Amino acid sequence: CLIAAQLILGLGLLLCLLGDDLASFYLL
């Protein structure tokens, strides 16, 4: 369960590093 929660965090971090706005990172 914690790995699945970290996957959600990883998706947000990936979006942030690809140049998306910080709102997506904060949401995820």
PDB file of all heavy atoms in Angstrom:
ATOM      1  N   CYS A   1       0.824  -1.218   0.000  1.00  0.00           N
ATOM      2  CA  CYS A   1       0.000   0.000   0.000  1.00  0.00           C
ATOM      3  C   CYS A   1       0.854   1.262   0.000  1.00  0.00           C
ATOM      4  O   CYS A   1       0.519   2.242  -0.678  1.00  0.00           O
ATOM      5  CB  CYS A   1      -0.947  -0.003   1.199  1.00  0.00           C
ATOM      6  SG  CYS A   1      -2.216  -1.270   1.080  1.00  0.00           S
ATOM      7  N   LEU A   2       1.949   1.259   0.736  1.00  0.00           N
ATOM      8  CA  LEU A   2       2.824   2.424   0.747  1.00  0.00           C
ATOM      9  C   LEU A   2       3.543   2.603  -0.583  1.00  0.00           C
ATOM     10  O   LEU A   2       3.770   3.733  -1.028  1.00  0.00           O
ATOM     11  CB  LEU A   2       3.829   2.317   1.900  1.00  0.00           C
ATOM     12  CG  LEU A   2       3.239   2.461   3.293  1.00  0.00           C
ATOM     13  CD1 LEU A   2       4.308   2.228   4.351  1.00  0.00           C
ATOM     14  CD2 LEU A   2       2.579   3.803   3.479  1.00  0.00           C
ATOM     15  N   ILE A   3       3.884   1.518  -1.241  1.00  0.00           N
ATOM     16  CA  ILE A   3       4.490   1.618  -2.571  1.00  0.00           C
ATOM     17  C   ILE A   3       3.496   2.203  -3.561  1.00  0.00           C
ATOM     18  O   ILE A   3       3.859   3.036  -4.406  1.00  0.00           O
ATOM     19  CB  ILE A   3       5.015   0.243  -3.039  1.00  0.00           C
ATOM     20  CG1 ILE A   3       6.260  -0.130  -2.253  1.00  0.00           C
ATOM     21  CG2 ILE A   3       5.310   0.239  -4.536  1.00  0.00           C
ATOM     22  CD1 ILE A   3       6.754  -1.540  -2.501  1.00  0.00           C
ATOM     23  N   ALA A   4       2.242   1.802  -3.469  1.00  0.00           N
ATOM     24  CA  ALA A   4       1.214   2.370  -4.361  1.00  0.00           C
ATOM     25  C   ALA A   4       1.038   3.858  -4.098  1.00  0.00           C
ATOM     26  O   ALA A   4       0.877   4.653  -5.035  1.00  0.00           O
ATOM     27  CB  ALA A   4      -0.104   1.624  -4.174  1.00  0.00           C
ATOM     28  N   ALA A   5       1.097   4.263  -2.830  1.00  0.00           N
ATOM     29  CA  ALA A   5       1.005   5.694  -2.509  1.00  0.00           C
ATOM     30  C   ALA A   5       2.224   6.449  -3.030  1.00  0.00           C
ATOM     31  O   ALA A   5       2.110   7.584  -3.506  1.00  0.00           O
ATOM     32  CB  ALA A   5       0.866   5.883  -1.000  1.00  0.00           C
ATOM     33  N   GLN A   6       3.383   5.820  -2.966  1.00  0.00           N
ATOM     34  CA  GLN A   6       4.586   6.450  -3.494  1.00  0.00           C
ATOM     35  C   GLN A   6       4.552   6.546  -5.017  1.00  0.00           C
ATOM     36  O   GLN A   6       5.155   7.453  -5.590  1.00  0.00           O
ATOM     37  CB  GLN A   6       5.833   5.675  -3.064  1.00  0.00           C
ATOM     38  CG  GLN A   6       6.138   5.787  -1.606  1.00  0.00           C
ATOM     39  CD  GLN A   6       6.399   7.208  -1.200  1.00  0.00           C
ATOM     40  OE1 GLN A   6       7.187   7.903  -1.816  1.00  0.00           O
ATOM     41  NE2 GLN A   6       5.733   7.655  -0.154  1.00  0.00           N
ATOM     42  N   LEU A   7       3.852   5.628  -5.656  1.00  0.00           N
ATOM     43  CA  LEU A   7       3.692   5.711  -7.103  1.00  0.00           C
ATOM     44  C   LEU A   7       2.932   6.980  -7.491  1.00  0.00           C
ATOM     45  O   LEU A   7       3.288   7.655  -8.466  1.00  0.00           O
ATOM     46  CB  LEU A   7       2.963   4.472  -7.631  1.00  0.00           C
ATOM     47  CG  LEU A   7       2.712   4.433  -9.134  1.00  0.00           C
ATOM     48  CD1 LEU A   7       4.021   4.361  -9.893  1.00  0.00           C
ATOM     49  CD2 LEU A   7       1.830   3.265  -9.482  1.00  0.00           C
ATOM     50  N   ILE A   8       1.928   7.323  -6.716  1.00  0.00           N
ATOM     51  CA  ILE A   8       1.179   8.561  -6.967  1.00  0.00           C
ATOM     52  C   ILE A   8       2.108   9.764  -6.818  1.00  0.00           C
ATOM     53  O   ILE A   8       2.096  10.685  -7.635  1.00  0.00           O
ATOM     54  CB  ILE A   8      -0.031   8.661  -6.020  1.00  0.00           C
ATOM     55  CG1 ILE A   8      -1.013   7.522  -6.275  1.00  0.00           C
ATOM     56  CG2 ILE A   8      -0.725  10.006  -6.184  1.00  0.00           C
ATOM     57  CD1 ILE A   8      -2.129   7.421  -5.255  1.00  0.00           C
ATOM     58  N   LEU A   9       2.942   9.748  -5.796  1.00  0.00           N
ATOM     59  CA  LEU A   9       3.916  10.824  -5.596  1.00  0.00           C
ATOM     60  C   LEU A   9       4.911  10.875  -6.746  1.00  0.00           C
ATOM     61  O   LEU A   9       5.253  11.952  -7.239  1.00  0.00           O
ATOM     62  CB  LEU A   9       4.652  10.626  -4.271  1.00  0.00           C
ATOM     63  CG  LEU A   9       5.779  11.604  -3.968  1.00  0.00           C
ATOM     64  CD1 LEU A   9       5.217  12.993  -3.719  1.00  0.00           C
ATOM     65  CD2 LEU A   9       6.589  11.119  -2.808  1.00  0.00           C
ATOM     66  N   GLY A  10       5.349   9.723  -7.199  1.00  0.00           N
ATOM     67  CA  GLY A  10       6.290   9.665  -8.320  1.00  0.00           C
ATOM     68  C   GLY A  10       5.697  10.223  -9.604  1.00  0.00           C
ATOM     69  O   GLY A  10       6.407  10.858 -10.394  1.00  0.00           O
ATOM     70  N   LEU A  11       4.410   9.991  -9.821  1.00  0.00           N
ATOM     71  CA  LEU A  11       3.758  10.559 -11.003  1.00  0.00           C
ATOM     72  C   LEU A  11       3.757  12.080 -10.948  1.00  0.00           C
ATOM     73  O   LEU A  11       4.002  12.751 -11.956  1.00  0.00           O
ATOM     74  CB  LEU A  11       2.330  10.022 -11.120  1.00  0.00           C
ATOM     75  CG  LEU A  11       2.179   8.528 -11.385  1.00  0.00           C
ATOM     76  CD1 LEU A  11       0.707   8.138 -11.360  1.00  0.00           C
ATOM     77  CD2 LEU A  11       2.810   8.137 -12.695  1.00  0.00           C
ATOM     78  N   GLY A  12       3.491  12.633  -9.775  1.00  0.00           N
ATOM     79  CA  GLY A  12       3.519  14.088  -9.613  1.00  0.00           C
ATOM     80  C   GLY A  12       4.908  14.656  -9.810  1.00  0.00           C
ATOM     81  O   GLY A  12       5.085  15.700 -10.451  1.00  0.00           O
ATOM     82  N   LEU A  13       5.904  13.977  -9.283  1.00  0.00           N
ATOM     83  CA  LEU A  13       7.280  14.430  -9.444  1.00  0.00           C
ATOM     84  C   LEU A  13       7.712  14.366 -10.903  1.00  0.00           C
ATOM     85  O   LEU A  13       8.378  15.273 -11.406  1.00  0.00           O
ATOM     86  CB  LEU A  13       8.209  13.597  -8.570  1.00  0.00           C
ATOM     87  CG  LEU A  13       9.675  14.009  -8.520  1.00  0.00           C
ATOM     88  CD1 LEU A  13       9.809  15.415  -7.953  1.00  0.00           C
ATOM     89  CD2 LEU A  13      10.462  13.024  -7.702  1.00  0.00           C
ATOM     90  N   LEU A  14       7.311  13.321 -11.588  1.00  0.00           N
ATOM     91  CA  LEU A  14       7.635  13.191 -13.009  1.00  0.00           C
ATOM     92  C   LEU A  14       7.000  14.310 -13.826  1.00  0.00           C
ATOM     93  O   LEU A  14       7.646  14.899 -14.699  1.00  0.00           O
ATOM     94  CB  LEU A  14       7.188  11.825 -13.529  1.00  0.00           C
ATOM     95  CG  LEU A  14       7.526  11.505 -14.976  1.00  0.00           C
ATOM     96  CD1 LEU A  14       9.030  11.481 -15.172  1.00  0.00           C
ATOM     97  CD2 LEU A  14       6.906  10.194 -15.376  1.00  0.00           C
ATOM     98  N   LEU A  15       5.744  14.621 -13.533  1.00  0.00           N
ATOM     99  CA  LEU A  15       5.097  15.737 -14.230  1.00  0.00           C
ATOM    100  C   LEU A  15       5.819  17.051 -13.971  1.00  0.00           C
ATOM    101  O   LEU A  15       5.996  17.870 -14.881  1.00  0.00           O
ATOM    102  CB  LEU A  15       3.640  15.866 -13.783  1.00  0.00           C
ATOM    103  CG  LEU A  15       2.621  15.022 -14.514  1.00  0.00           C
ATOM    104  CD1 LEU A  15       1.244  15.221 -13.914  1.00  0.00           C
ATOM    105  CD2 LEU A  15       2.598  15.324 -15.986  1.00  0.00           C
ATOM    106  N   CYS A  16       6.238  17.249 -12.742  1.00  0.00           N
ATOM    107  CA  CYS A  16       6.952  18.481 -12.395  1.00  0.00           C
ATOM    108  C   CYS A  16       8.275  18.572 -13.151  1.00  0.00           C
ATOM    109  O   CYS A  16       8.625  19.629 -13.679  1.00  0.00           O
ATOM    110  CB  CYS A  16       7.181  18.530 -10.893  1.00  0.00           C
ATOM    111  SG  CYS A  16       8.086  19.966 -10.337  1.00  0.00           S
ATOM    112  N   LEU A  17       9.000  17.472 -13.215  1.00  0.00           N
ATOM    113  CA  LEU A  17      10.289  17.476 -13.891  1.00  0.00           C
ATOM    114  C   LEU A  17      10.155  17.586 -15.404  1.00  0.00           C
ATOM    115  O   LEU A  17      11.090  18.018 -16.072  1.00  0.00           O
ATOM    116  CB  LEU A  17      11.090  16.233 -13.512  1.00  0.00           C
ATOM    117  CG  LEU A  17      11.558  16.174 -12.062  1.00  0.00           C
ATOM    118  CD1 LEU A  17      12.270  14.862 -11.783  1.00  0.00           C
ATOM    119  CD2 LEU A  17      12.441  17.352 -11.724  1.00  0.00           C
ATOM    120  N   LEU A  18       9.012  17.204 -15.937  1.00  0.00           N
ATOM    121  CA  LEU A  18       8.786  17.353 -17.381  1.00  0.00           C
ATOM    122  C   LEU A  18       8.360  18.764 -17.762  1.00  0.00           C
ATOM    123  O   LEU A  18       8.179  19.052 -18.937  1.00  0.00           O
ATOM    124  CB  LEU A  18       7.742  16.341 -17.863  1.00  0.00           C
ATOM    125  CG  LEU A  18       8.216  14.903 -17.948  1.00  0.00           C
ATOM    126  CD1 LEU A  18       7.073  13.987 -18.351  1.00  0.00           C
ATOM    127  CD2 LEU A  18       9.377  14.763 -18.901  1.00  0.00           C
ATOM    128  N   GLY A  19       8.188  19.626 -16.781  1.00  0.00           N
ATOM    129  CA  GLY A  19       7.887  21.014 -17.077  1.00  0.00           C
ATOM    130  C   GLY A  19       6.450  21.411 -16.873  1.00  0.00           C
ATOM    131  O   GLY A  19       6.049  22.508 -17.261  1.00  0.00           O
ATOM    132  N   ASP A  20       5.641  20.566 -16.271  1.00  0.00           N
ATOM    133  CA  ASP A  20       4.259  20.916 -15.997  1.00  0.00           C
ATOM    134  C   ASP A  20       4.232  21.900 -14.815  1.00  0.00           C
ATOM    135  O   ASP A  20       5.207  22.057 -14.088  1.00  0.00           O
ATOM    136  CB  ASP A  20       3.455  19.661 -15.667  1.00  0.00           C
ATOM    137  CG  ASP A  20       1.965  19.874 -15.801  1.00  0.00           C
ATOM    138  OD1 ASP A  20       1.567  20.887 -16.390  1.00  0.00           O
ATOM    139  OD2 ASP A  20       1.207  19.020 -15.307  1.00  0.00           O
ATOM    140  N   ASP A  21       3.099  22.535 -14.632  1.00  0.00           N
ATOM    141  CA  ASP A  21       3.003  23.508 -13.539  1.00  0.00           C
ATOM    142  C   ASP A  21       3.018  22.810 -12.180  1.00  0.00           C
ATOM    143  O   ASP A  21       2.805  21.610 -12.076  1.00  0.00           O
ATOM    144  CB  ASP A  21       1.745  24.360 -13.689  1.00  0.00           C
ATOM    145  CG  ASP A  21       0.482  23.525 -13.723  1.00  0.00           C
ATOM    146  OD1 ASP A  21       0.592  22.296 -13.862  1.00  0.00           O
ATOM    147  OD2 ASP A  21      -0.607  24.105 -13.602  1.00  0.00           O
ATOM    148  N   LEU A  22       3.292  23.584 -11.161  1.00  0.00           N
ATOM    149  CA  LEU A  22       3.415  23.022  -9.815  1.00  0.00           C
ATOM    150  C   LEU A  22       2.073  22.583  -9.233  1.00  0.00           C
ATOM    151  O   LEU A  22       2.047  21.807  -8.277  1.00  0.00           O
ATOM    152  CB  LEU A  22       4.075  24.037  -8.886  1.00  0.00           C
ATOM    153  CG  LEU A  22       5.564  24.276  -9.133  1.00  0.00           C
ATOM    154  CD1 LEU A  22       6.079  25.383  -8.229  1.00  0.00           C
ATOM    155  CD2 LEU A  22       6.348  23.017  -8.932  1.00  0.00           C
ATOM    156  N   ALA A  23       0.961  23.042  -9.777  1.00  0.00           N
ATOM    157  CA  ALA A  23      -0.348  22.661  -9.250  1.00  0.00           C
ATOM    158  C   ALA A  23      -0.572  21.157  -9.391  1.00  0.00           C
ATOM    159  O   ALA A  23      -1.137  20.522  -8.495  1.00  0.00           O
ATOM    160  CB  ALA A  23      -1.449  23.433  -9.967  1.00  0.00           C
ATOM    161  N   SER A  24      -0.140  20.566 -10.491  1.00  0.00           N
ATOM    162  CA  SER A  24      -0.282  19.114 -10.651  1.00  0.00           C
ATOM    163  C   SER A  24       0.569  18.375  -9.630  1.00  0.00           C
ATOM    164  O   SER A  24       0.141  17.370  -9.077  1.00  0.00           O
ATOM    165  CB  SER A  24       0.151  18.637 -12.022  1.00  0.00           C
ATOM    166  OG  SER A  24       0.012  19.564 -12.986  1.00  0.00           O
ATOM    167  N   PHE A  25       1.772  18.886  -9.410  1.00  0.00           N
ATOM    168  CA  PHE A  25       2.637  18.258  -8.412  1.00  0.00           C
ATOM    169  C   PHE A  25       2.006  18.330  -7.031  1.00  0.00           C
ATOM    170  O   PHE A  25       1.994  17.351  -6.291  1.00  0.00           O
ATOM    171  CB  PHE A  25       4.012  18.942  -8.413  1.00  0.00           C
ATOM    172  CG  PHE A  25       4.898  18.491  -7.295  1.00  0.00           C
ATOM    173  CD1 PHE A  25       5.450  17.217  -7.302  1.00  0.00           C
ATOM    174  CD2 PHE A  25       5.176  19.328  -6.234  1.00  0.00           C
ATOM    175  CE1 PHE A  25       6.260  16.799  -6.271  1.00  0.00           C
ATOM    176  CE2 PHE A  25       5.989  18.917  -5.194  1.00  0.00           C
ATOM    177  CZ  PHE A  25       6.538  17.645  -5.213  1.00  0.00           C
ATOM    178  N   TYR A  26       1.480  19.502  -6.679  1.00  0.00           N
ATOM    179  CA  TYR A  26       0.848  19.650  -5.367  1.00  0.00           C
ATOM    180  C   TYR A  26      -0.380  18.758  -5.230  1.00  0.00           C
ATOM    181  O   TYR A  26      -0.612  18.167  -4.168  1.00  0.00           O
ATOM    182  CB  TYR A  26       0.449  21.107  -5.115  1.00  0.00           C
ATOM    183  CG  TYR A  26       1.603  22.045  -4.938  1.00  0.00           C
ATOM    184  CD1 TYR A  26       1.553  23.332  -5.432  1.00  0.00           C
ATOM    185  CD2 TYR A  26       2.757  21.646  -4.274  1.00  0.00           C
ATOM    186  CE1 TYR A  26       2.621  24.204  -5.267  1.00  0.00           C
ATOM    187  CE2 TYR A  26       3.825  22.504  -4.113  1.00  0.00           C
ATOM    188  CZ  TYR A  26       3.751  23.773  -4.605  1.00  0.00           C
ATOM    189  OH  TYR A  26       4.799  24.631  -4.433  1.00  0.00           O
ATOM    190  N   LEU A  27      -1.160  18.645  -6.275  1.00  0.00           N
ATOM    191  CA  LEU A  27      -2.359  17.811  -6.222  1.00  0.00           C
ATOM    192  C   LEU A  27      -2.000  16.340  -6.021  1.00  0.00           C
ATOM    193  O   LEU A  27      -2.558  15.670  -5.142  1.00  0.00           O
ATOM    194  CB  LEU A  27      -3.188  17.991  -7.495  1.00  0.00           C
ATOM    195  CG  LEU A  27      -4.460  17.172  -7.560  1.00  0.00           C
ATOM    196  CD1 LEU A  27      -5.490  17.747  -6.603  1.00  0.00           C
ATOM    197  CD2 LEU A  27      -4.999  17.139  -8.959  1.00  0.00           C
ATOM    198  N   LEU A  28      -1.075  15.840  -6.821  1.00  0.00           N
ATOM    199  CA  LEU A  28      -0.708  14.429  -6.700  1.00  0.00           C
ATOM    200  C   LEU A  28       0.057  14.157  -5.403  1.00  0.00           C
ATOM    201  O   LEU A  28      -0.108  13.096  -4.795  1.00  0.00           O
ATOM    202  CB  LEU A  28       0.099  13.994  -7.920  1.00  0.00           C
ATOM    203  CG  LEU A  28      -0.713  13.905  -9.205  1.00  0.00           C
ATOM    204  CD1 LEU A  28       0.186  13.672 -10.402  1.00  0.00           C
ATOM    205  CD2 LEU A  28      -1.760  12.815  -9.121  1.00  0.00           C
TER     206      LEU A  28
END
